[in-house]
Every structure is written in structure tokens, then in C-alpha cells.
Amino acid sequence: MNIAHQRLLNQHIALQTFQKPDDVVRWLGAVQAQDCAAAKWAVAQRTKGITDSAVDQAFNKGEFLRTHVMRPTWHFVAPQDIRWLLTLTAPRVHAANAYQYRRLELDKTIFKRRNAALTKALRGGQQLTRAEPASVLQQAGIEASDPLRVTCLILSAELDGIICSGARRGK
């Protein structure tokens, strides 16, 4: 058997054996998902008879999650794996982001206030769109007018296991 064919089999592309998108995500460990459409396609390629809307539905039900787990880029991960993955990877990603945190005047005090504000806003299964956390942070007295600062606040909240992407609303 040639190497290319063996790789297609090993990657479950030539022979789709998975029944559900979350089975694929669990098997792979993580799927880079910065380009969400391409990541969904990669999952669907390994899932027998799946449609794009079925992948969206599985994501929206929380069967797999999208978060910044390995570096400052999104990945799909299984809910049961997110905590140990963050324990393993978040310290290194935080260290890589430390310069930006200092430059944007983000410290443990701000992060603690951010955690309280986001936890309160998301209580009871509430979900926020990408734009909504900035107003939650502003209401908590955390400067959130700079888009880069908000991005770092959200990214670090993901690394701290406070939030992850929720069901899609629009884009």
C-alpha cells in the first residue's frame, strides 16, 4: 500500500468510520478551527453521511467546543477534554501573550473582575455573541473600547476555562 493511501486511511478520510462529529473531534484530540468553515469540513470529511447543518447542530448543542486551547488560535475540542488540555497548554499560551497583557495593562486584578463579570453574564446557560462581552466588561468597570484589549481579555478567559464559544448566532 502506498504512503498517501495509508495516510488517508489513518486520518479517516478515505474510509469514514465515525458516525458523529464529536467522535471525530475526540479521536483527533483537537481540530484547528481558526477558519471555522474549513474545520467543519475537516470534521465532516471523517463522518459518515453528515451534512453541514448536522455539524452546526452538534456544535450548537455543545457536543464539541471551540476555544483557544493550544495557541492564540481556535480549536475544536471535546467537552470532556477541555479542562486537561487547558491545564496542559494554557500556561505556555499565557506566557506567549504576557507582553500583550502588560502592554494593554491587563493583570490578575483585571482578570479576576473579568471572570466575575463574565460568569455572572453567562449564568444559567446564557450565551453572548462576539460583540456582547465588551459591554459586559464596560458595565463591570473594565476598559473595553480597544478591540485588541477585548480580544486579549476574551482569549485569556478561554485559557482560564471561564468561557468557550457557544452556539452560533449569525456568523
C-alpha atoms as a PDB file:
ATOM      1  CA  MET A   1       0.000   0.000   0.000  1.00  0.00           C
ATOM      2  CA  ASN A   2       1.415   3.415  -0.851  1.00  0.00           C
ATOM      3  CA  ILE A   3       2.086   6.039   1.824  1.00  0.00           C
ATOM      4  CA  ALA A   4      -0.511   8.533   0.555  1.00  0.00           C
ATOM      5  CA  HIS A   5      -3.293   5.938   0.676  1.00  0.00           C
ATOM      6  CA  GLN A   6      -2.196   4.775   4.127  1.00  0.00           C
ATOM      7  CA  ARG A   7      -2.315   8.362   5.400  1.00  0.00           C
ATOM      8  CA  LEU A   8      -5.839   8.817   4.001  1.00  0.00           C
ATOM      9  CA  LEU A   9      -6.914   5.650   5.830  1.00  0.00           C
ATOM     10  CA  ASN A  10      -5.149   6.591   9.081  1.00  0.00           C
ATOM     11  CA  GLN A  11      -6.699  10.058   9.007  1.00  0.00           C
ATOM     12  CA  HIS A  12     -10.160   8.505   8.436  1.00  0.00           C
ATOM     13  CA  ILE A  13     -10.612  10.413   5.171  1.00  0.00           C
ATOM     14  CA  ALA A  14     -10.616   7.503   2.704  1.00  0.00           C
ATOM     15  CA  LEU A  15     -12.849   5.426   4.952  1.00  0.00           C
ATOM     16  CA  GLN A  16     -15.283   7.378   7.100  1.00  0.00           C
ATOM     17  CA  THR A  17     -15.970   5.264  10.171  1.00  0.00           C
ATOM     18  CA  PHE A  18     -17.238   7.948  12.547  1.00  0.00           C
ATOM     19  CA  GLN A  19     -20.981   8.415  12.999  1.00  0.00           C
ATOM     20  CA  LYS A  20     -20.983  11.791  14.783  1.00  0.00           C
ATOM     21  CA  PRO A  21     -18.861  14.961  14.562  1.00  0.00           C
ATOM     22  CA  ASP A  22     -17.901  14.812  18.224  1.00  0.00           C
ATOM     23  CA  ASP A  23     -16.468  11.313  17.691  1.00  0.00           C
ATOM     24  CA  VAL A  24     -14.077  12.838  15.135  1.00  0.00           C
ATOM     25  CA  VAL A  25     -13.057  15.681  17.443  1.00  0.00           C
ATOM     26  CA  ARG A  26     -12.440  13.252  20.338  1.00  0.00           C
ATOM     27  CA  TRP A  27     -10.411  10.921  18.133  1.00  0.00           C
ATOM     28  CA  LEU A  28      -8.235  13.707  16.723  1.00  0.00           C
ATOM     29  CA  GLY A  29      -7.821  15.370  20.134  1.00  0.00           C
ATOM     30  CA  ALA A  30      -8.287  18.843  18.642  1.00  0.00           C
ATOM     31  CA  VAL A  31      -9.052  20.311  15.236  1.00  0.00           C
ATOM     32  CA  GLN A  32      -7.622  23.704  14.350  1.00  0.00           C
ATOM     33  CA  ALA A  33     -10.688  25.884  13.857  1.00  0.00           C
ATOM     34  CA  GLN A  34      -9.475  29.413  13.153  1.00  0.00           C
ATOM     35  CA  ASP A  35     -11.257  29.051   9.809  1.00  0.00           C
ATOM     36  CA  CYS A  36     -14.488  27.607  11.168  1.00  0.00           C
ATOM     37  CA  ALA A  37     -15.873  26.532   7.775  1.00  0.00           C
ATOM     38  CA  ALA A  38     -12.689  24.612   6.918  1.00  0.00           C
ATOM     39  CA  ALA A  39     -12.648  22.974  10.353  1.00  0.00           C
ATOM     40  CA  LYS A  40     -16.272  21.886   9.985  1.00  0.00           C
ATOM     41  CA  TRP A  41     -15.399  20.492   6.544  1.00  0.00           C
ATOM     42  CA  ALA A  42     -12.470  18.540   8.043  1.00  0.00           C
ATOM     43  CA  VAL A  43     -14.801  17.036  10.640  1.00  0.00           C
ATOM     44  CA  ALA A  44     -17.478  16.256   8.030  1.00  0.00           C
ATOM     45  CA  GLN A  45     -14.921  14.541   5.761  1.00  0.00           C
ATOM     46  CA  ARG A  46     -14.378  11.982   8.513  1.00  0.00           C
ATOM     47  CA  THR A  47     -18.059  11.478   9.396  1.00  0.00           C
ATOM     48  CA  LYS A  48     -20.269   9.075   7.505  1.00  0.00           C
ATOM     49  CA  GLY A  49     -23.203  10.740   5.716  1.00  0.00           C
ATOM     50  CA  ILE A  50     -23.070  14.048   7.615  1.00  0.00           C
ATOM     51  CA  THR A  51     -24.323  17.427   6.404  1.00  0.00           C
ATOM     52  CA  ASP A  52     -23.056  20.922   7.187  1.00  0.00           C
ATOM     53  CA  SER A  53     -26.209  21.683   9.153  1.00  0.00           C
ATOM     54  CA  ALA A  54     -25.757  18.492  11.206  1.00  0.00           C
ATOM     55  CA  VAL A  55     -22.203  19.596  12.119  1.00  0.00           C
ATOM     56  CA  ASP A  56     -23.593  23.018  13.110  1.00  0.00           C
ATOM     57  CA  GLN A  57     -26.314  21.356  15.150  1.00  0.00           C
ATOM     58  CA  ALA A  58     -23.776  19.190  17.029  1.00  0.00           C
ATOM     59  CA  PHE A  59     -21.670  22.274  17.745  1.00  0.00           C
ATOM     60  CA  ASN A  60     -24.684  24.316  18.868  1.00  0.00           C
ATOM     61  CA  LYS A  61     -25.683  21.510  21.260  1.00  0.00           C
ATOM     62  CA  GLY A  62     -22.184  21.613  22.804  1.00  0.00           C
ATOM     63  CA  GLU A  63     -21.163  18.155  21.592  1.00  0.00           C
ATOM     64  CA  PHE A  64     -17.808  19.741  20.723  1.00  0.00           C
ATOM     65  CA  LEU A  65     -16.470  23.170  21.632  1.00  0.00           C
ATOM     66  CA  ARG A  66     -14.382  25.895  20.019  1.00  0.00           C
ATOM     67  CA  THR A  67     -11.788  27.598  22.190  1.00  0.00           C
ATOM     68  CA  HIS A  68      -8.218  28.889  22.307  1.00  0.00           C
ATOM     69  CA  VAL A  69      -6.549  25.824  23.730  1.00  0.00           C
ATOM     70  CA  MET A  70      -3.143  25.320  22.114  1.00  0.00           C
ATOM     71  CA  ARG A  71      -2.074  28.757  20.988  1.00  0.00           C
ATOM     72  CA  PRO A  72      -3.785  32.025  20.163  1.00  0.00           C
ATOM     73  CA  THR A  73      -5.927  30.311  17.532  1.00  0.00           C
ATOM     74  CA  TRP A  74      -9.192  28.433  17.903  1.00  0.00           C
ATOM     75  CA  HIS A  75      -9.504  24.668  18.041  1.00  0.00           C
ATOM     76  CA  PHE A  76     -12.461  22.311  18.241  1.00  0.00           C
ATOM     77  CA  VAL A  77     -12.157  20.110  21.323  1.00  0.00           C
ATOM     78  CA  ALA A  78     -14.365  17.626  23.118  1.00  0.00           C
ATOM     79  CA  PRO A  79     -16.039  18.956  26.292  1.00  0.00           C
ATOM     80  CA  GLN A  80     -14.576  16.113  28.354  1.00  0.00           C
ATOM     81  CA  ASP A  81     -11.049  17.044  27.181  1.00  0.00           C
ATOM     82  CA  ILE A  82     -11.145  20.810  27.573  1.00  0.00           C
ATOM     83  CA  ARG A  83     -10.018  21.011  31.221  1.00  0.00           C
ATOM     84  CA  TRP A  84      -6.975  18.750  30.933  1.00  0.00           C
ATOM     85  CA  LEU A  85      -5.971  20.370  27.633  1.00  0.00           C
ATOM     86  CA  LEU A  86      -6.157  23.838  29.191  1.00  0.00           C
ATOM     87  CA  THR A  87      -4.202  22.658  32.234  1.00  0.00           C
ATOM     88  CA  LEU A  88      -1.514  21.390  29.883  1.00  0.00           C
ATOM     89  CA  THR A  89      -1.378  24.245  27.363  1.00  0.00           C
ATOM     90  CA  ALA A  90      -2.714  27.467  28.935  1.00  0.00           C
ATOM     91  CA  PRO A  91       0.448  28.337  30.919  1.00  0.00           C
ATOM     92  CA  ARG A  92       2.528  28.354  27.728  1.00  0.00           C
ATOM     93  CA  VAL A  93      -0.045  30.403  25.795  1.00  0.00           C
ATOM     94  CA  HIS A  94      -0.365  32.873  28.688  1.00  0.00           C
ATOM     95  CA  ALA A  95       3.440  33.194  28.714  1.00  0.00           C
ATOM     96  CA  ALA A  96       3.443  33.875  24.965  1.00  0.00           C
ATOM     97  CA  ASN A  97       0.756  36.547  25.497  1.00  0.00           C
ATOM     98  CA  ALA A  98       2.419  38.124  28.554  1.00  0.00           C
ATOM     99  CA  TYR A  99       3.889  41.032  26.595  1.00  0.00           C
ATOM    100  CA  GLN A 100       0.462  41.935  25.172  1.00  0.00           C
ATOM    101  CA  TYR A 101      -1.131  41.637  28.620  1.00  0.00           C
ATOM    102  CA  ARG A 102       1.443  44.068  30.062  1.00  0.00           C
ATOM    103  CA  ARG A 103       1.161  46.432  27.102  1.00  0.00           C
ATOM    104  CA  LEU A 104      -2.644  46.531  27.446  1.00  0.00           C
ATOM    105  CA  GLU A 105      -2.455  46.878  31.262  1.00  0.00           C
ATOM    106  CA  LEU A 106      -4.125  43.539  31.921  1.00  0.00           C
ATOM    107  CA  ASP A 107      -3.217  41.966  35.241  1.00  0.00           C
ATOM    108  CA  LYS A 108      -4.567  39.488  37.804  1.00  0.00           C
ATOM    109  CA  THR A 109      -6.881  42.085  39.322  1.00  0.00           C
ATOM    110  CA  ILE A 110      -8.467  42.872  35.946  1.00  0.00           C
ATOM    111  CA  PHE A 111      -8.697  39.158  35.100  1.00  0.00           C
ATOM    112  CA  LYS A 112     -10.427  38.439  38.429  1.00  0.00           C
ATOM    113  CA  ARG A 113     -13.003  41.202  37.789  1.00  0.00           C
ATOM    114  CA  ARG A 114     -13.427  39.958  34.213  1.00  0.00           C
ATOM    115  CA  ASN A 115     -14.060  36.410  35.442  1.00  0.00           C
ATOM    116  CA  ALA A 116     -16.749  37.618  37.869  1.00  0.00           C
ATOM    117  CA  ALA A 117     -18.454  39.765  35.209  1.00  0.00           C
ATOM    118  CA  LEU A 118     -18.473  37.067  32.528  1.00  0.00           C
ATOM    119  CA  THR A 119     -19.534  34.329  34.953  1.00  0.00           C
ATOM    120  CA  LYS A 120     -22.472  36.474  36.067  1.00  0.00           C
ATOM    121  CA  ALA A 121     -23.444  37.328  32.460  1.00  0.00           C
ATOM    122  CA  LEU A 122     -23.329  33.669  31.396  1.00  0.00           C
ATOM    123  CA  ARG A 123     -25.098  32.250  34.455  1.00  0.00           C
ATOM    124  CA  GLY A 124     -27.988  29.908  33.720  1.00  0.00           C
ATOM    125  CA  GLY A 125     -26.747  28.932  30.274  1.00  0.00           C
ATOM    126  CA  GLN A 126     -26.855  32.430  28.803  1.00  0.00           C
ATOM    127  CA  GLN A 127     -24.707  32.949  25.715  1.00  0.00           C
ATOM    128  CA  LEU A 128     -23.157  36.077  24.243  1.00  0.00           C
ATOM    129  CA  THR A 129     -22.205  36.960  20.694  1.00  0.00           C
ATOM    130  CA  ARG A 130     -18.627  38.013  19.997  1.00  0.00           C
ATOM    131  CA  ALA A 131     -19.535  41.713  20.376  1.00  0.00           C
ATOM    132  CA  GLU A 132     -21.516  41.416  23.623  1.00  0.00           C
ATOM    133  CA  PRO A 133     -18.727  40.676  26.148  1.00  0.00           C
ATOM    134  CA  ALA A 134     -17.261  44.159  25.597  1.00  0.00           C
ATOM    135  CA  SER A 135     -20.393  45.789  27.012  1.00  0.00           C
ATOM    136  CA  VAL A 136     -20.449  43.301  29.912  1.00  0.00           C
ATOM    137  CA  LEU A 137     -16.838  44.254  30.699  1.00  0.00           C
ATOM    138  CA  GLN A 138     -17.566  48.000  30.362  1.00  0.00           C
ATOM    139  CA  GLN A 139     -20.508  47.653  32.783  1.00  0.00           C
ATOM    140  CA  ALA A 140     -18.125  45.961  35.241  1.00  0.00           C
ATOM    141  CA  GLY A 141     -15.803  48.974  35.035  1.00  0.00           C
ATOM    142  CA  ILE A 142     -13.218  47.272  32.823  1.00  0.00           C
ATOM    143  CA  GLU A 143     -11.964  49.373  29.908  1.00  0.00           C
ATOM    144  CA  ALA A 144     -13.164  47.559  26.789  1.00  0.00           C
ATOM    145  CA  SER A 145     -13.175  50.127  23.981  1.00  0.00           C
ATOM    146  CA  ASP A 146      -9.933  48.860  22.387  1.00  0.00           C
ATOM    147  CA  PRO A 147     -10.732  45.793  20.225  1.00  0.00           C
ATOM    148  CA  LEU A 148      -7.285  44.272  20.864  1.00  0.00           C
ATOM    149  CA  ARG A 149      -7.734  44.634  24.621  1.00  0.00           C
ATOM    150  CA  VAL A 150     -11.154  42.947  24.417  1.00  0.00           C
ATOM    151  CA  THR A 151      -9.653  40.158  22.293  1.00  0.00           C
ATOM    152  CA  CYS A 152      -6.944  39.554  24.907  1.00  0.00           C
ATOM    153  CA  LEU A 153      -9.499  39.642  27.726  1.00  0.00           C
ATOM    154  CA  ILE A 154     -11.660  37.068  25.944  1.00  0.00           C
ATOM    155  CA  LEU A 155      -8.743  34.878  24.837  1.00  0.00           C
ATOM    156  CA  SER A 156      -7.329  34.752  28.360  1.00  0.00           C
ATOM    157  CA  ALA A 157     -10.810  33.962  29.750  1.00  0.00           C
ATOM    158  CA  GLU A 158     -10.892  30.975  27.403  1.00  0.00           C
ATOM    159  CA  LEU A 159      -7.429  29.892  28.556  1.00  0.00           C
ATOM    160  CA  ASP A 160      -8.605  30.197  32.168  1.00  0.00           C
ATOM    161  CA  GLY A 161     -11.574  27.921  31.415  1.00  0.00           C
ATOM    162  CA  ILE A 162     -14.135  30.654  32.112  1.00  0.00           C
ATOM    163  CA  ILE A 163     -15.675  30.730  28.617  1.00  0.00           C
ATOM    164  CA  CYS A 164     -15.627  28.992  25.241  1.00  0.00           C
ATOM    165  CA  SER A 165     -17.536  29.619  22.039  1.00  0.00           C
ATOM    166  CA  GLY A 166     -21.239  28.924  22.338  1.00  0.00           C
ATOM    167  CA  ALA A 167     -23.943  28.158  19.826  1.00  0.00           C
ATOM    168  CA  ARG A 168     -23.699  30.173  16.666  1.00  0.00           C
ATOM    169  CA  ARG A 169     -25.980  33.153  16.149  1.00  0.00           C
ATOM    170  CA  GLY A 170     -25.423  34.525  12.675  1.00  0.00           C
ATOM    171  CA  LYS A 171     -21.740  34.452  11.784  1.00  0.00           C
END
